[in-house]
Amino acid sequence: MKLEGFSSSASSFNADMDFAFWLHVWVSVALFISVVGPMFYFAWKYRADKVKNEDVGTLTHHTTLELAWTIIPIIAVMVFFYYGNTTMQMFRTMPAESQSIVVDVEGSKWKWKYQYPANSSGYIHKIGGVYTKPVMDDKGQVLEEGTMGISALYVPVNTNIILKMTAPVNDVIHAYYVPAFRMKEDVVPGRTTKQWFNANKVGEYDVECAEYCGTDHSYMYSKIVVMEQADYDKWFEGNTEDTPKGNFPKDGAALYAQNGCASCHSIDTDATLVGPTLKGIGAKYDSKYLADAITNPDKDVPEGFYPGIMPAFNLPADELDTLVKYMESAK
């Protein structure tokens, strides 16, 4: 997949971040030229075929040059420090939670999940899962919807958003990276890390995992959809599983794909991926065993595989039952 957003600027602190970046680049270029340029010039001017041995002298001291090559780098380093420090403080100084929307983010192999605070009627939106882009034809007509709608983070424009991020204890390190916001933060198993942003342009912006995390690392995508405040409020105050991009099927096949099962387990072939194939598993085990394998995968690990690789899934009872029935139906 092509990651977009490097050339776009869609958050409140992009201008400061970009200024600090290009300042570092051009000052570094100037320092490089000031050292390497004279080096090549003098190597050419005083090459062996142009200078006689008797003309070679020894220069022992030049106060002006010594002051210049000491003071100029010090000034450059102090400029680097000032803009680097102020930019870091801007990223790391969290806004007040009372004036922000706080979203819980879970990164796991290989998907992002989002949980919002309760709305005015107490309903909690929980969305996310494995991300797949829509499939379109040459004319831009959608052939397959993909899962972007249900695996995206929806936020209002010009609003502080605080992300509280973690990963399951038995998972691996991920990194939540949004190029259009110049934002990246590690997501560490068993710990909570925070990052924030304020998107100032309505649109859709790519999210990827920027920390290598295994087999499907390169497909661990999501989207941040920035909406007008009124549109966001209308969706947020609703008490359904619909998303601003529409509702999505909750059948067994959809749940199997959305929760990332297909990344590790084949269900229609005998191929062994990260974990064992699930083809014909319904004929070998009952529904209780399959449910336990999903919610407590280290309870009974198949021979030849290792505990701690598969995360435990805390699915609602109806979704767990639907997923188990889908697995039982695999022939």
C-alpha atoms as a PDB file:
ATOM      1  CA  MET A   1       0.000   0.000   0.000  1.00  0.00           C
ATOM      2  CA  LYS A   2       1.128   3.541  -0.703  1.00  0.00           C
ATOM      3  CA  LEU A   3       1.385   5.701   2.415  1.00  0.00           C
ATOM      4  CA  GLU A   4       0.193   9.252   1.835  1.00  0.00           C
ATOM      5  CA  GLY A   5       0.545  12.440   3.831  1.00  0.00           C
ATOM      6  CA  PHE A   6       4.214  13.391   3.634  1.00  0.00           C
ATOM      7  CA  SER A   7       3.444  16.373   1.402  1.00  0.00           C
ATOM      8  CA  SER A   8       0.268  17.455   3.211  1.00  0.00           C
ATOM      9  CA  SER A   9      -0.063  19.577   6.330  1.00  0.00           C
ATOM     10  CA  ALA A  10      -3.169  18.953   8.381  1.00  0.00           C
ATOM     11  CA  SER A  11      -2.471  19.627  12.068  1.00  0.00           C
ATOM     12  CA  SER A  12      -1.958  22.715  14.193  1.00  0.00           C
ATOM     13  CA  PHE A  13       1.730  22.102  14.888  1.00  0.00           C
ATOM     14  CA  ASN A  14       2.853  21.126  11.396  1.00  0.00           C
ATOM     15  CA  ALA A  15       4.198  24.598  10.550  1.00  0.00           C
ATOM     16  CA  ASP A  16       6.478  24.673  13.609  1.00  0.00           C
ATOM     17  CA  MET A  17       7.620  21.101  13.025  1.00  0.00           C
ATOM     18  CA  ASP A  18       8.377  21.706   9.362  1.00  0.00           C
ATOM     19  CA  PHE A  19      10.245  24.946  10.144  1.00  0.00           C
ATOM     20  CA  ALA A  20      12.433  23.188  12.720  1.00  0.00           C
ATOM     21  CA  PHE A  21      13.111  20.339  10.281  1.00  0.00           C
ATOM     22  CA  TRP A  22      14.134  22.558   7.349  1.00  0.00           C
ATOM     23  CA  LEU A  23      16.151  24.832   9.622  1.00  0.00           C
ATOM     24  CA  HIS A  24      18.187  21.815  10.734  1.00  0.00           C
ATOM     25  CA  VAL A  25      18.589  20.678   7.133  1.00  0.00           C
ATOM     26  CA  TRP A  26      19.806  23.995   5.701  1.00  0.00           C
ATOM     27  CA  VAL A  27      22.083  24.885   8.615  1.00  0.00           C
ATOM     28  CA  SER A  28      23.596  21.401   8.327  1.00  0.00           C
ATOM     29  CA  VAL A  29      24.046  21.909   4.573  1.00  0.00           C
ATOM     30  CA  ALA A  30      25.761  25.268   5.209  1.00  0.00           C
ATOM     31  CA  LEU A  31      28.115  23.724   7.780  1.00  0.00           C
ATOM     32  CA  PHE A  32      28.880  20.827   5.450  1.00  0.00           C
ATOM     33  CA  ILE A  33      29.719  23.161   2.551  1.00  0.00           C
ATOM     34  CA  SER A  34      31.828  25.401   4.801  1.00  0.00           C
ATOM     35  CA  VAL A  35      34.015  22.417   5.712  1.00  0.00           C
ATOM     36  CA  VAL A  36      34.030  20.256   2.586  1.00  0.00           C
ATOM     37  CA  GLY A  37      34.128  23.162   0.122  1.00  0.00           C
ATOM     38  CA  PRO A  38      37.438  24.625   1.366  1.00  0.00           C
ATOM     39  CA  MET A  39      38.834  21.119   1.752  1.00  0.00           C
ATOM     40  CA  PHE A  40      38.390  20.360  -1.957  1.00  0.00           C
ATOM     41  CA  TYR A  41      39.497  23.859  -2.953  1.00  0.00           C
ATOM     42  CA  PHE A  42      42.771  23.651  -1.032  1.00  0.00           C
ATOM     43  CA  ALA A  43      43.350  20.068  -2.183  1.00  0.00           C
ATOM     44  CA  TRP A  44      43.093  21.344  -5.768  1.00  0.00           C
ATOM     45  CA  LYS A  45      45.046  24.606  -5.245  1.00  0.00           C
ATOM     46  CA  TYR A  46      47.952  23.032  -3.372  1.00  0.00           C
ATOM     47  CA  ARG A  47      48.190  19.718  -5.188  1.00  0.00           C
ATOM     48  CA  ALA A  48      51.645  18.182  -5.485  1.00  0.00           C
ATOM     49  CA  ASP A  49      52.316  19.192  -9.093  1.00  0.00           C
ATOM     50  CA  LYS A  50      51.675  22.875  -8.279  1.00  0.00           C
ATOM     51  CA  VAL A  51      53.701  23.321  -5.072  1.00  0.00           C
ATOM     52  CA  LYS A  52      57.437  22.827  -4.706  1.00  0.00           C
ATOM     53  CA  ASN A  53      58.837  21.332  -1.527  1.00  0.00           C
ATOM     54  CA  GLU A  54      60.816  24.452  -0.772  1.00  0.00           C
ATOM     55  CA  ASP A  55      57.578  26.483  -0.838  1.00  0.00           C
ATOM     56  CA  VAL A  56      55.899  24.391   1.836  1.00  0.00           C
ATOM     57  CA  GLY A  57      55.710  26.222   5.130  1.00  0.00           C
ATOM     58  CA  THR A  58      54.219  25.592   8.568  1.00  0.00           C
ATOM     59  CA  LEU A  59      51.291  27.627   9.876  1.00  0.00           C
ATOM     60  CA  THR A  60      51.165  27.412  13.650  1.00  0.00           C
ATOM     61  CA  HIS A  61      48.457  29.872  14.609  1.00  0.00           C
ATOM     62  CA  HIS A  62      45.525  31.876  13.174  1.00  0.00           C
ATOM     63  CA  THR A  63      43.354  33.451  15.868  1.00  0.00           C
ATOM     64  CA  THR A  64      40.497  34.559  13.594  1.00  0.00           C
ATOM     65  CA  LEU A  65      40.064  31.133  12.002  1.00  0.00           C
ATOM     66  CA  GLU A  66      40.243  29.374  15.361  1.00  0.00           C
ATOM     67  CA  LEU A  67      37.555  31.655  16.804  1.00  0.00           C
ATOM     68  CA  ALA A  68      35.388  31.182  13.705  1.00  0.00           C
ATOM     69  CA  TRP A  69      35.448  27.386  13.693  1.00  0.00           C
ATOM     70  CA  THR A  70      34.679  27.382  17.422  1.00  0.00           C
ATOM     71  CA  ILE A  71      31.999  30.060  17.684  1.00  0.00           C
ATOM     72  CA  ILE A  72      30.013  29.286  14.498  1.00  0.00           C
ATOM     73  CA  PRO A  73      29.403  25.587  15.348  1.00  0.00           C
ATOM     74  CA  ILE A  74      28.441  26.580  18.918  1.00  0.00           C
ATOM     75  CA  ILE A  75      25.861  29.011  17.564  1.00  0.00           C
ATOM     76  CA  ALA A  76      24.544  26.361  15.174  1.00  0.00           C
ATOM     77  CA  VAL A  77      24.223  23.796  17.979  1.00  0.00           C
ATOM     78  CA  MET A  78      22.388  26.303  20.186  1.00  0.00           C
ATOM     79  CA  VAL A  79      19.971  27.060  17.332  1.00  0.00           C
ATOM     80  CA  PHE A  80      19.412  23.317  16.893  1.00  0.00           C
ATOM     81  CA  PHE A  81      18.808  22.922  20.614  1.00  0.00           C
ATOM     82  CA  TYR A  82      16.386  25.843  20.872  1.00  0.00           C
ATOM     83  CA  TYR A  83      14.120  24.822  18.006  1.00  0.00           C
ATOM     84  CA  GLY A  84      14.425  21.118  18.769  1.00  0.00           C
ATOM     85  CA  ASN A  85      13.507  21.688  22.415  1.00  0.00           C
ATOM     86  CA  THR A  86      10.587  24.033  21.753  1.00  0.00           C
ATOM     87  CA  THR A  87       9.185  21.687  19.097  1.00  0.00           C
ATOM     88  CA  MET A  88       9.504  18.692  21.412  1.00  0.00           C
ATOM     89  CA  GLN A  89       7.759  20.592  24.219  1.00  0.00           C
ATOM     90  CA  MET A  90       4.930  21.457  21.846  1.00  0.00           C
ATOM     91  CA  PHE A  91       4.436  17.769  21.022  1.00  0.00           C
ATOM     92  CA  ARG A  92       4.877  16.543  24.569  1.00  0.00           C
ATOM     93  CA  THR A  93       2.804  19.118  26.460  1.00  0.00           C
ATOM     94  CA  MET A  94      -0.620  17.527  26.625  1.00  0.00           C
ATOM     95  CA  PRO A  95      -3.693  19.753  26.556  1.00  0.00           C
ATOM     96  CA  ALA A  96      -6.158  19.475  29.430  1.00  0.00           C
ATOM     97  CA  GLU A  97      -8.272  16.339  29.125  1.00  0.00           C
ATOM     98  CA  SER A  98     -11.337  18.381  30.103  1.00  0.00           C
ATOM     99  CA  GLN A  99     -10.851  20.405  26.908  1.00  0.00           C
ATOM    100  CA  SER A 100     -10.040  17.426  24.676  1.00  0.00           C
ATOM    101  CA  ILE A 101     -11.474  14.203  23.329  1.00  0.00           C
ATOM    102  CA  VAL A 102      -9.611  11.269  24.858  1.00  0.00           C
ATOM    103  CA  VAL A 103      -9.559   8.095  22.764  1.00  0.00           C
ATOM    104  CA  ASP A 104      -8.145   4.755  23.923  1.00  0.00           C
ATOM    105  CA  VAL A 105      -6.071   3.124  21.177  1.00  0.00           C
ATOM    106  CA  GLU A 106      -4.932  -0.513  21.131  1.00  0.00           C
ATOM    107  CA  GLY A 107      -2.325  -1.677  18.667  1.00  0.00           C
ATOM    108  CA  SER A 108      -1.918  -5.416  18.201  1.00  0.00           C
ATOM    109  CA  LYS A 109      -0.810  -7.771  15.454  1.00  0.00           C
ATOM    110  CA  TRP A 110      -1.842  -6.344  12.997  1.00  0.00           C
ATOM    111  CA  LYS A 111      -4.611  -3.842  13.573  1.00  0.00           C
ATOM    112  CA  TRP A 112      -5.624  -0.673  15.418  1.00  0.00           C
ATOM    113  CA  LYS A 113      -8.710  -0.441  17.639  1.00  0.00           C
ATOM    114  CA  TYR A 114     -10.324   2.689  19.074  1.00  0.00           C
ATOM    115  CA  GLN A 115     -12.589   3.214  22.085  1.00  0.00           C
ATOM    116  CA  TYR A 116     -14.282   6.575  22.658  1.00  0.00           C
ATOM    117  CA  PRO A 117     -15.562   8.054  25.913  1.00  0.00           C
ATOM    118  CA  ALA A 118     -19.257   7.523  26.639  1.00  0.00           C
ATOM    119  CA  ASN A 119     -21.633   9.908  24.891  1.00  0.00           C
ATOM    120  CA  SER A 120     -24.435  11.794  26.645  1.00  0.00           C
ATOM    121  CA  SER A 121     -26.629   8.679  26.773  1.00  0.00           C
ATOM    122  CA  GLY A 122     -23.811   6.432  28.008  1.00  0.00           C
ATOM    123  CA  TYR A 123     -23.118   4.635  24.719  1.00  0.00           C
ATOM    124  CA  ILE A 124     -19.452   3.833  23.993  1.00  0.00           C
ATOM    125  CA  HIS A 125     -18.285   3.635  20.398  1.00  0.00           C
ATOM    126  CA  LYS A 126     -15.773   0.821  19.820  1.00  0.00           C
ATOM    127  CA  ILE A 127     -14.394   0.587  16.311  1.00  0.00           C
ATOM    128  CA  GLY A 128     -11.280  -0.631  14.569  1.00  0.00           C
ATOM    129  CA  GLY A 129      -9.751  -3.785  13.234  1.00  0.00           C
ATOM    130  CA  VAL A 130      -7.752  -4.957  10.256  1.00  0.00           C
ATOM    131  CA  TYR A 131      -7.709  -2.290   7.560  1.00  0.00           C
ATOM    132  CA  THR A 132      -8.270  -2.953   3.879  1.00  0.00           C
ATOM    133  CA  LYS A 133      -8.667  -0.274   1.234  1.00  0.00           C
ATOM    134  CA  PRO A 134     -11.676  -0.195  -1.096  1.00  0.00           C
ATOM    135  CA  VAL A 135     -11.117  -1.881  -4.461  1.00  0.00           C
ATOM    136  CA  MET A 136     -11.995   0.404  -7.388  1.00  0.00           C
ATOM    137  CA  ASP A 137     -12.095   0.028 -11.140  1.00  0.00           C
ATOM    138  CA  ASP A 138     -10.401   2.332 -13.649  1.00  0.00           C
ATOM    139  CA  LYS A 139     -13.336   4.752 -13.491  1.00  0.00           C
ATOM    140  CA  GLY A 140     -13.200   5.089  -9.704  1.00  0.00           C
ATOM    141  CA  GLN A 141     -16.272   2.946  -9.074  1.00  0.00           C
ATOM    142  CA  VAL A 142     -16.052   0.959  -5.831  1.00  0.00           C
ATOM    143  CA  LEU A 143     -16.024  -2.789  -6.464  1.00  0.00           C
ATOM    144  CA  GLU A 144     -15.383  -3.851  -2.867  1.00  0.00           C
ATOM    145  CA  GLU A 145     -16.016  -1.605   0.121  1.00  0.00           C
ATOM    146  CA  GLY A 146     -13.043  -2.770   2.169  1.00  0.00           C
ATOM    147  CA  THR A 147     -13.069  -2.100   5.906  1.00  0.00           C
ATOM    148  CA  MET A 148     -11.813   1.493   6.012  1.00  0.00           C
ATOM    149  CA  GLY A 149     -15.049   2.820   7.523  1.00  0.00           C
ATOM    150  CA  ILE A 150     -15.058   0.585  10.554  1.00  0.00           C
ATOM    151  CA  SER A 151     -11.289   0.620  11.101  1.00  0.00           C
ATOM    152  CA  ALA A 152     -10.877   4.414  11.027  1.00  0.00           C
ATOM    153  CA  LEU A 153     -10.620   6.979  13.819  1.00  0.00           C
ATOM    154  CA  TYR A 154     -13.236   9.740  13.490  1.00  0.00           C
ATOM    155  CA  VAL A 155     -12.504  13.164  14.997  1.00  0.00           C
ATOM    156  CA  PRO A 156     -13.882  16.708  14.654  1.00  0.00           C
ATOM    157  CA  VAL A 157     -11.818  19.454  13.030  1.00  0.00           C
ATOM    158  CA  ASN A 158     -10.022  22.043  15.199  1.00  0.00           C
ATOM    159  CA  THR A 159     -10.336  19.944  18.357  1.00  0.00           C
ATOM    160  CA  ASN A 160      -7.642  18.625  20.690  1.00  0.00           C
ATOM    161  CA  ILE A 161      -7.487  14.827  20.485  1.00  0.00           C
ATOM    162  CA  ILE A 162      -5.521  12.876  23.087  1.00  0.00           C
ATOM    163  CA  LEU A 163      -4.614   9.285  22.233  1.00  0.00           C
ATOM    164  CA  LYS A 164      -3.958   6.897  25.130  1.00  0.00           C
ATOM    165  CA  MET A 165      -2.191   4.007  23.454  1.00  0.00           C
ATOM    166  CA  THR A 166      -1.227   0.534  24.574  1.00  0.00           C
ATOM    167  CA  ALA A 167      -0.692  -3.006  23.289  1.00  0.00           C
ATOM    168  CA  PRO A 168      -1.580  -6.353  24.895  1.00  0.00           C
ATOM    169  CA  VAL A 169       1.046  -7.662  27.316  1.00  0.00           C
ATOM    170  CA  ASN A 170       1.920 -10.637  25.097  1.00  0.00           C
ATOM    171  CA  ASP A 171       2.103  -8.581  21.896  1.00  0.00           C
ATOM    172  CA  VAL A 172       5.048  -6.599  20.460  1.00  0.00           C
ATOM    173  CA  ILE A 173       5.983  -2.925  20.099  1.00  0.00           C
ATOM    174  CA  HIS A 174       4.140  -0.917  17.451  1.00  0.00           C
ATOM    175  CA  ALA A 175       4.301   2.774  16.520  1.00  0.00           C
ATOM    176  CA  TYR A 176       1.343   4.992  15.623  1.00  0.00           C
ATOM    177  CA  TYR A 177       2.520   7.159  12.726  1.00  0.00           C
ATOM    178  CA  VAL A 178       0.505   9.861  10.925  1.00  0.00           C
ATOM    179  CA  PRO A 179       2.688  11.607   8.297  1.00  0.00           C
ATOM    180  CA  ALA A 180       0.155  14.376   7.623  1.00  0.00           C
ATOM    181  CA  PHE A 181       0.257  15.313  11.325  1.00  0.00           C
ATOM    182  CA  ARG A 182       4.054  14.809  11.708  1.00  0.00           C
ATOM    183  CA  MET A 183       3.146  12.543  14.618  1.00  0.00           C
ATOM    184  CA  LYS A 184       4.674   9.243  15.705  1.00  0.00           C
ATOM    185  CA  GLU A 185       4.549   7.490  19.069  1.00  0.00           C
ATOM    186  CA  ASP A 186       5.585   4.017  20.227  1.00  0.00           C
ATOM    187  CA  VAL A 187       2.839   1.696  21.438  1.00  0.00           C
ATOM    188  CA  VAL A 188       4.324  -0.601  24.067  1.00  0.00           C
ATOM    189  CA  PRO A 189       2.847  -3.849  25.468  1.00  0.00           C
ATOM    190  CA  GLY A 190       1.598  -3.424  29.034  1.00  0.00           C
ATOM    191  CA  ARG A 191       2.288   0.325  29.110  1.00  0.00           C
ATOM    192  CA  THR A 192       0.287   3.426  28.223  1.00  0.00           C
ATOM    193  CA  THR A 193       1.859   6.065  26.003  1.00  0.00           C
ATOM    194  CA  LYS A 194       0.196   9.324  25.012  1.00  0.00           C
ATOM    195  CA  GLN A 195       0.224  11.627  22.019  1.00  0.00           C
ATOM    196  CA  TRP A 196      -2.074  14.400  20.866  1.00  0.00           C
ATOM    197  CA  PHE A 197      -3.005  16.350  17.779  1.00  0.00           C
ATOM    198  CA  ASN A 198      -5.367  19.036  16.583  1.00  0.00           C
ATOM    199  CA  ALA A 199      -6.364  18.536  12.940  1.00  0.00           C
ATOM    200  CA  ASN A 200      -7.161  21.800  11.164  1.00  0.00           C
ATOM    201  CA  LYS A 201      -8.287  20.415   7.795  1.00  0.00           C
ATOM    202  CA  VAL A 202     -11.248  18.177   7.019  1.00  0.00           C
ATOM    203  CA  GLY A 203     -10.151  15.045   5.168  1.00  0.00           C
ATOM    204  CA  GLU A 204      -8.837  11.488   5.460  1.00  0.00           C
ATOM    205  CA  TYR A 205      -5.269  10.844   6.582  1.00  0.00           C
ATOM    206  CA  ASP A 206      -3.242   7.636   6.568  1.00  0.00           C
ATOM    207  CA  VAL A 207      -2.005   5.892   9.695  1.00  0.00           C
ATOM    208  CA  GLU A 208       0.616   3.157   9.683  1.00  0.00           C
ATOM    209  CA  CYS A 209       2.702   1.171  12.105  1.00  0.00           C
ATOM    210  CA  ALA A 210       6.264   2.501  11.977  1.00  0.00           C
ATOM    211  CA  GLU A 211       7.847  -0.164  14.196  1.00  0.00           C
ATOM    212  CA  TYR A 212       8.508  -3.541  12.571  1.00  0.00           C
ATOM    213  CA  CYS A 213       6.108  -5.952  14.251  1.00  0.00           C
ATOM    214  CA  GLY A 214       6.124  -9.146  12.244  1.00  0.00           C
ATOM    215  CA  THR A 215       4.461 -10.833   9.285  1.00  0.00           C
ATOM    216  CA  ASP A 216       1.771  -8.275   8.360  1.00  0.00           C
ATOM    217  CA  HIS A 217       3.561  -5.154   9.597  1.00  0.00           C
ATOM    218  CA  SER A 218       3.379  -3.540   6.161  1.00  0.00           C
ATOM    219  CA  TYR A 219      -0.432  -3.937   6.143  1.00  0.00           C
ATOM    220  CA  MET A 220      -1.063  -2.498   9.625  1.00  0.00           C
ATOM    221  CA  TYR A 221      -2.915   0.579   8.390  1.00  0.00           C
ATOM    222  CA  SER A 222      -5.741   2.766   9.564  1.00  0.00           C
ATOM    223  CA  LYS A 223      -7.222   6.162   8.737  1.00  0.00           C
ATOM    224  CA  ILE A 224      -7.986   9.311  10.669  1.00  0.00           C
ATOM    225  CA  VAL A 225     -11.129  10.907   9.264  1.00  0.00           C
ATOM    226  CA  VAL A 226     -11.412  14.586  10.216  1.00  0.00           C
ATOM    227  CA  MET A 227     -15.020  15.794  10.106  1.00  0.00           C
ATOM    228  CA  GLU A 228     -16.959  19.002  10.550  1.00  0.00           C
ATOM    229  CA  GLN A 229     -18.029  19.419  14.177  1.00  0.00           C
ATOM    230  CA  ALA A 230     -21.759  19.062  13.450  1.00  0.00           C
ATOM    231  CA  ASP A 231     -21.235  15.836  11.470  1.00  0.00           C
ATOM    232  CA  TYR A 232     -19.058  14.403  14.221  1.00  0.00           C
ATOM    233  CA  ASP A 233     -21.555  15.284  16.966  1.00  0.00           C
ATOM    234  CA  LYS A 234     -24.401  13.681  15.022  1.00  0.00           C
ATOM    235  CA  TRP A 235     -22.458  10.421  14.743  1.00  0.00           C
ATOM    236  CA  PHE A 236     -20.972  10.470  18.253  1.00  0.00           C
ATOM    237  CA  GLU A 237     -24.326  11.001  19.966  1.00  0.00           C
ATOM    238  CA  GLY A 238     -25.858   8.098  18.047  1.00  0.00           C
ATOM    239  CA  ASN A 239     -26.265   4.753  19.802  1.00  0.00           C
ATOM    240  CA  THR A 240     -25.560   2.378  16.919  1.00  0.00           C
ATOM    241  CA  GLU A 241     -22.548   0.594  15.480  1.00  0.00           C
ATOM    242  CA  ASP A 242     -22.895   2.604  12.288  1.00  0.00           C
ATOM    243  CA  THR A 243     -19.898   4.743  11.398  1.00  0.00           C
ATOM    244  CA  PRO A 244     -19.831   7.972   9.362  1.00  0.00           C
ATOM    245  CA  LYS A 245     -18.666   5.761   6.481  1.00  0.00           C
ATOM    246  CA  GLY A 246     -21.620   3.406   6.865  1.00  0.00           C
ATOM    247  CA  ASN A 247     -22.376   0.152   8.628  1.00  0.00           C
ATOM    248  CA  PHE A 248     -20.480  -3.063   7.948  1.00  0.00           C
ATOM    249  CA  PRO A 249     -21.384  -6.742   8.112  1.00  0.00           C
ATOM    250  CA  LYS A 250     -20.977  -8.561  11.403  1.00  0.00           C
ATOM    251  CA  ASP A 251     -21.149 -12.084  10.037  1.00  0.00           C
ATOM    252  CA  GLY A 252     -18.513 -14.664  10.858  1.00  0.00           C
ATOM    253  CA  ALA A 253     -16.398 -14.044   7.762  1.00  0.00           C
ATOM    254  CA  ALA A 254     -16.338 -10.289   8.425  1.00  0.00           C
ATOM    255  CA  LEU A 255     -15.382 -10.779  12.090  1.00  0.00           C
ATOM    256  CA  TYR A 256     -12.703 -13.293  11.080  1.00  0.00           C
ATOM    257  CA  ALA A 257     -11.135 -10.731   8.734  1.00  0.00           C
ATOM    258  CA  GLN A 258     -11.643  -7.664  10.922  1.00  0.00           C
ATOM    259  CA  ASN A 259     -10.011  -9.217  14.000  1.00  0.00           C
ATOM    260  CA  GLY A 260      -6.962 -10.289  12.043  1.00  0.00           C
ATOM    261  CA  CYS A 261      -7.530 -14.043  12.272  1.00  0.00           C
ATOM    262  CA  ALA A 262      -6.780 -14.424   8.558  1.00  0.00           C
ATOM    263  CA  SER A 263      -3.281 -13.009   9.059  1.00  0.00           C
ATOM    264  CA  CYS A 264      -2.256 -15.988  11.186  1.00  0.00           C
ATOM    265  CA  HIS A 265      -4.650 -18.825  10.362  1.00  0.00           C
ATOM    266  CA  SER A 266      -5.805 -20.177   7.007  1.00  0.00           C
ATOM    267  CA  ILE A 267      -9.355 -21.473   7.169  1.00  0.00           C
ATOM    268  CA  ASP A 268      -9.921 -22.959   3.707  1.00  0.00           C
ATOM    269  CA  THR A 269      -6.537 -24.590   3.062  1.00  0.00           C
ATOM    270  CA  ASP A 270      -4.063 -26.754   4.971  1.00  0.00           C
ATOM    271  CA  ALA A 271      -1.370 -24.033   4.837  1.00  0.00           C
ATOM    272  CA  THR A 272       0.372 -23.157   8.099  1.00  0.00           C
ATOM    273  CA  LEU A 273       0.851 -19.410   8.472  1.00  0.00           C
ATOM    274  CA  VAL A 274       1.880 -17.931  11.833  1.00  0.00           C
ATOM    275  CA  GLY A 275      -0.463 -20.358  13.565  1.00  0.00           C
ATOM    276  CA  PRO A 276      -2.044 -23.708  12.622  1.00  0.00           C
ATOM    277  CA  THR A 277      -4.691 -24.023   9.926  1.00  0.00           C
ATOM    278  CA  LEU A 278      -8.325 -23.924  11.055  1.00  0.00           C
ATOM    279  CA  LYS A 279      -9.598 -25.976   8.149  1.00  0.00           C
ATOM    280  CA  GLY A 280     -11.920 -28.645   9.505  1.00  0.00           C
ATOM    281  CA  ILE A 281     -11.430 -27.508  13.105  1.00  0.00           C
ATOM    282  CA  GLY A 282     -15.162 -27.712  13.803  1.00  0.00           C
ATOM    283  CA  ALA A 283     -15.014 -31.490  13.353  1.00  0.00           C
ATOM    284  CA  LYS A 284     -12.211 -31.817  15.911  1.00  0.00           C
ATOM    285  CA  TYR A 285     -13.293 -29.523  18.730  1.00  0.00           C
ATOM    286  CA  ASP A 286     -16.557 -28.297  20.256  1.00  0.00           C
ATOM    287  CA  SER A 287     -17.694 -24.678  20.503  1.00  0.00           C
ATOM    288  CA  LYS A 288     -16.544 -24.286  24.133  1.00  0.00           C
ATOM    289  CA  TYR A 289     -12.997 -25.281  23.204  1.00  0.00           C
ATOM    290  CA  LEU A 290     -12.959 -22.855  20.281  1.00  0.00           C
ATOM    291  CA  ALA A 291     -14.282 -20.014  22.423  1.00  0.00           C
ATOM    292  CA  ASP A 292     -11.581 -20.708  25.035  1.00  0.00           C
ATOM    293  CA  ALA A 293      -8.941 -20.752  22.284  1.00  0.00           C
ATOM    294  CA  ILE A 294      -9.993 -17.235  21.251  1.00  0.00           C
ATOM    295  CA  THR A 295     -10.340 -15.693  24.717  1.00  0.00           C
ATOM    296  CA  ASN A 296      -7.509 -17.619  26.411  1.00  0.00           C
ATOM    297  CA  PRO A 297      -5.160 -18.802  23.635  1.00  0.00           C
ATOM    298  CA  ASP A 298      -2.357 -19.917  25.973  1.00  0.00           C
ATOM    299  CA  LYS A 299      -4.614 -22.395  27.774  1.00  0.00           C
ATOM    300  CA  ASP A 300      -4.037 -25.230  25.310  1.00  0.00           C
ATOM    301  CA  VAL A 301      -1.322 -24.494  22.741  1.00  0.00           C
ATOM    302  CA  PRO A 302      -1.086 -26.992  19.840  1.00  0.00           C
ATOM    303  CA  GLU A 303       2.085 -29.058  19.633  1.00  0.00           C
ATOM    304  CA  GLY A 304       4.800 -27.363  17.611  1.00  0.00           C
ATOM    305  CA  PHE A 305       3.644 -23.833  18.477  1.00  0.00           C
ATOM    306  CA  TYR A 306       4.540 -21.495  21.327  1.00  0.00           C
ATOM    307  CA  PRO A 307       2.487 -19.676  23.975  1.00  0.00           C
ATOM    308  CA  GLY A 308       2.419 -15.896  24.091  1.00  0.00           C
ATOM    309  CA  ILE A 309       2.184 -15.367  20.327  1.00  0.00           C
ATOM    310  CA  MET A 310      -1.585 -15.065  19.917  1.00  0.00           C
ATOM    311  CA  PRO A 311      -3.267 -12.242  21.871  1.00  0.00           C
ATOM    312  CA  ALA A 312      -6.393 -12.874  23.908  1.00  0.00           C
ATOM    313  CA  PHE A 313      -9.540 -11.495  22.249  1.00  0.00           C
ATOM    314  CA  ASN A 314     -12.122  -9.870  24.520  1.00  0.00           C
ATOM    315  CA  LEU A 315     -15.084  -9.947  22.149  1.00  0.00           C
ATOM    316  CA  PRO A 316     -18.729  -9.277  23.017  1.00  0.00           C
ATOM    317  CA  ALA A 317     -20.611 -12.510  23.625  1.00  0.00           C
ATOM    318  CA  ASP A 318     -22.652 -12.274  20.420  1.00  0.00           C
ATOM    319  CA  GLU A 319     -19.578 -11.622  18.258  1.00  0.00           C
ATOM    320  CA  LEU A 320     -17.664 -14.465  19.937  1.00  0.00           C
ATOM    321  CA  ASP A 321     -20.558 -16.841  19.264  1.00  0.00           C
ATOM    322  CA  THR A 322     -20.773 -15.731  15.610  1.00  0.00           C
ATOM    323  CA  LEU A 323     -17.023 -16.162  15.126  1.00  0.00           C
ATOM    324  CA  VAL A 324     -17.024 -19.627  16.706  1.00  0.00           C
ATOM    325  CA  LYS A 325     -19.904 -20.747  14.464  1.00  0.00           C
ATOM    326  CA  TYR A 326     -17.996 -19.501  11.419  1.00  0.00           C
ATOM    327  CA  MET A 327     -14.918 -21.493  12.484  1.00  0.00           C
ATOM    328  CA  GLU A 328     -17.076 -24.590  13.073  1.00  0.00           C
ATOM    329  CA  SER A 329     -18.458 -24.302   9.551  1.00  0.00           C
ATOM    330  CA  ALA A 330     -14.984 -24.415   7.966  1.00  0.00           C
ATOM    331  CA  LYS A 331     -14.645 -27.630   5.966  1.00  0.00           C
END
